[in-house]
Amino acid sequence: MQLTYKKLMNKEPEGQYTVTVPALPGCITYGANVDHAIEMAKEAIGIYVEELQSRGEDVPDDSTTLEYSLNLTA
């Protein structure tokens, strides 16, 4: 099964990164740097998906989600 997930990474004041996965509510992890944050996100997503599957629940993903960013000057 091929699943696609968007990951949002925010740099924290102390330098680490917080990662959230919008398609998986509550799926949040952290990393010391970008590479570590991505590694931790892969692990967190895998655990989340395994848990959904073990309970027989639907596994959402972002394969049909389009993403755009807008820059505004205020």
C-alpha atoms as a PDB file:
ATOM      1  CA  MET A   1       0.000   0.000   0.000  1.00  0.00           C
ATOM      2  CA  GLN A   2       1.450   3.360  -1.066  1.00  0.00           C
ATOM      3  CA  LEU A   3       0.547   6.222   1.287  1.00  0.00           C
ATOM      4  CA  THR A   4       1.412   9.905   0.938  1.00  0.00           C
ATOM      5  CA  TYR A   5       1.665  12.342   3.845  1.00  0.00           C
ATOM      6  CA  LYS A   6       2.399  16.028   4.091  1.00  0.00           C
ATOM      7  CA  LYS A   7       4.567  16.993   7.038  1.00  0.00           C
ATOM      8  CA  LEU A   8       4.608  20.478   8.502  1.00  0.00           C
ATOM      9  CA  MET A   9       7.849  21.403  10.234  1.00  0.00           C
ATOM     10  CA  ASN A  10       8.181  24.414  12.506  1.00  0.00           C
ATOM     11  CA  LYS A  11      11.516  25.548  13.905  1.00  0.00           C
ATOM     12  CA  GLU A  12      11.271  26.118  17.642  1.00  0.00           C
ATOM     13  CA  PRO A  13      13.074  28.967  19.460  1.00  0.00           C
ATOM     14  CA  GLU A  14      15.563  26.510  20.981  1.00  0.00           C
ATOM     15  CA  GLY A  15      16.478  25.226  17.490  1.00  0.00           C
ATOM     16  CA  GLN A  16      14.709  21.869  17.251  1.00  0.00           C
ATOM     17  CA  TYR A  17      11.845  21.157  14.832  1.00  0.00           C
ATOM     18  CA  THR A  18       8.267  20.203  15.620  1.00  0.00           C
ATOM     19  CA  VAL A  19       6.586  18.041  12.970  1.00  0.00           C
ATOM     20  CA  THR A  20       2.835  17.590  12.530  1.00  0.00           C
ATOM     21  CA  VAL A  21       1.003  15.412  10.018  1.00  0.00           C
ATOM     22  CA  PRO A  22      -2.344  17.064   9.164  1.00  0.00           C
ATOM     23  CA  ALA A  23      -3.944  13.891   7.747  1.00  0.00           C
ATOM     24  CA  LEU A  24      -3.259  12.067  11.030  1.00  0.00           C
ATOM     25  CA  PRO A  25      -4.722  14.108  13.916  1.00  0.00           C
ATOM     26  CA  GLY A  26      -2.456  14.029  16.945  1.00  0.00           C
ATOM     27  CA  CYS A  27       0.551  12.730  15.009  1.00  0.00           C
ATOM     28  CA  ILE A  28       3.266  15.057  16.324  1.00  0.00           C
ATOM     29  CA  THR A  29       6.985  14.477  16.767  1.00  0.00           C
ATOM     30  CA  TYR A  30      10.238  16.393  17.166  1.00  0.00           C
ATOM     31  CA  GLY A  31      13.757  16.377  15.799  1.00  0.00           C
ATOM     32  CA  ALA A  32      17.031  18.069  16.652  1.00  0.00           C
ATOM     33  CA  ASN A  33      17.446  19.174  13.011  1.00  0.00           C
ATOM     34  CA  VAL A  34      15.546  18.830   9.717  1.00  0.00           C
ATOM     35  CA  ASP A  35      16.953  15.390   8.855  1.00  0.00           C
ATOM     36  CA  HIS A  36      16.250  14.045  12.332  1.00  0.00           C
ATOM     37  CA  ALA A  37      12.738  15.527  12.266  1.00  0.00           C
ATOM     38  CA  ILE A  38      11.992  13.775   8.957  1.00  0.00           C
ATOM     39  CA  GLU A  39      13.336  10.487  10.332  1.00  0.00           C
ATOM     40  CA  MET A  40      11.192  10.830  13.457  1.00  0.00           C
ATOM     41  CA  ALA A  41       8.129  11.724  11.335  1.00  0.00           C
ATOM     42  CA  LYS A  42       8.527   8.543   9.266  1.00  0.00           C
ATOM     43  CA  GLU A  43       8.640   6.507  12.465  1.00  0.00           C
ATOM     44  CA  ALA A  44       5.634   8.295  13.996  1.00  0.00           C
ATOM     45  CA  ILE A  45       3.571   7.893  10.819  1.00  0.00           C
ATOM     46  CA  GLY A  46       4.417   4.175  10.646  1.00  0.00           C
ATOM     47  CA  ILE A  47       3.323   3.611  14.246  1.00  0.00           C
ATOM     48  CA  TYR A  48       0.126   5.642  13.731  1.00  0.00           C
ATOM     49  CA  VAL A  49      -0.817   3.727  10.561  1.00  0.00           C
ATOM     50  CA  GLU A  50      -0.080   0.349  12.189  1.00  0.00           C
ATOM     51  CA  GLU A  51      -2.374   1.264  15.079  1.00  0.00           C
ATOM     52  CA  LEU A  52      -5.211   2.260  12.739  1.00  0.00           C
ATOM     53  CA  GLN A  53      -4.808  -0.973  10.774  1.00  0.00           C
ATOM     54  CA  SER A  54      -4.753  -3.104  13.936  1.00  0.00           C
ATOM     55  CA  ARG A  55      -8.107  -1.587  14.934  1.00  0.00           C
ATOM     56  CA  GLY A  56      -9.561  -2.099  11.451  1.00  0.00           C
ATOM     57  CA  GLU A  57      -9.952   1.650  10.919  1.00  0.00           C
ATOM     58  CA  ASP A  58      -9.582   3.522   7.639  1.00  0.00           C
ATOM     59  CA  VAL A  59      -6.090   4.875   6.999  1.00  0.00           C
ATOM     60  CA  PRO A  60      -6.276   8.425   5.622  1.00  0.00           C
ATOM     61  CA  ASP A  61      -3.534   9.925   3.493  1.00  0.00           C
ATOM     62  CA  ASP A  62      -2.800  13.026   1.414  1.00  0.00           C
ATOM     63  CA  SER A  63      -2.588  11.388  -2.019  1.00  0.00           C
ATOM     64  CA  THR A  64      -5.450  13.522  -3.368  1.00  0.00           C
ATOM     65  CA  THR A  65      -4.586  16.722  -1.498  1.00  0.00           C
ATOM     66  CA  LEU A  66      -3.268  19.722  -3.390  1.00  0.00           C
ATOM     67  CA  GLU A  67      -1.129  22.194  -1.515  1.00  0.00           C
ATOM     68  CA  TYR A  68      -0.444  25.824  -2.302  1.00  0.00           C
ATOM     69  CA  SER A  69       1.385  28.518  -0.381  1.00  0.00           C
ATOM     70  CA  LEU A  70       0.531  32.188  -0.581  1.00  0.00           C
ATOM     71  CA  ASN A  71       2.794  35.060   0.365  1.00  0.00           C
ATOM     72  CA  LEU A  72       1.045  38.275   1.342  1.00  0.00           C
ATOM     73  CA  THR A  73       2.429  41.649   2.175  1.00  0.00           C
ATOM     74  CA  ALA A  74       0.624  43.336   5.046  1.00  0.00           C
END
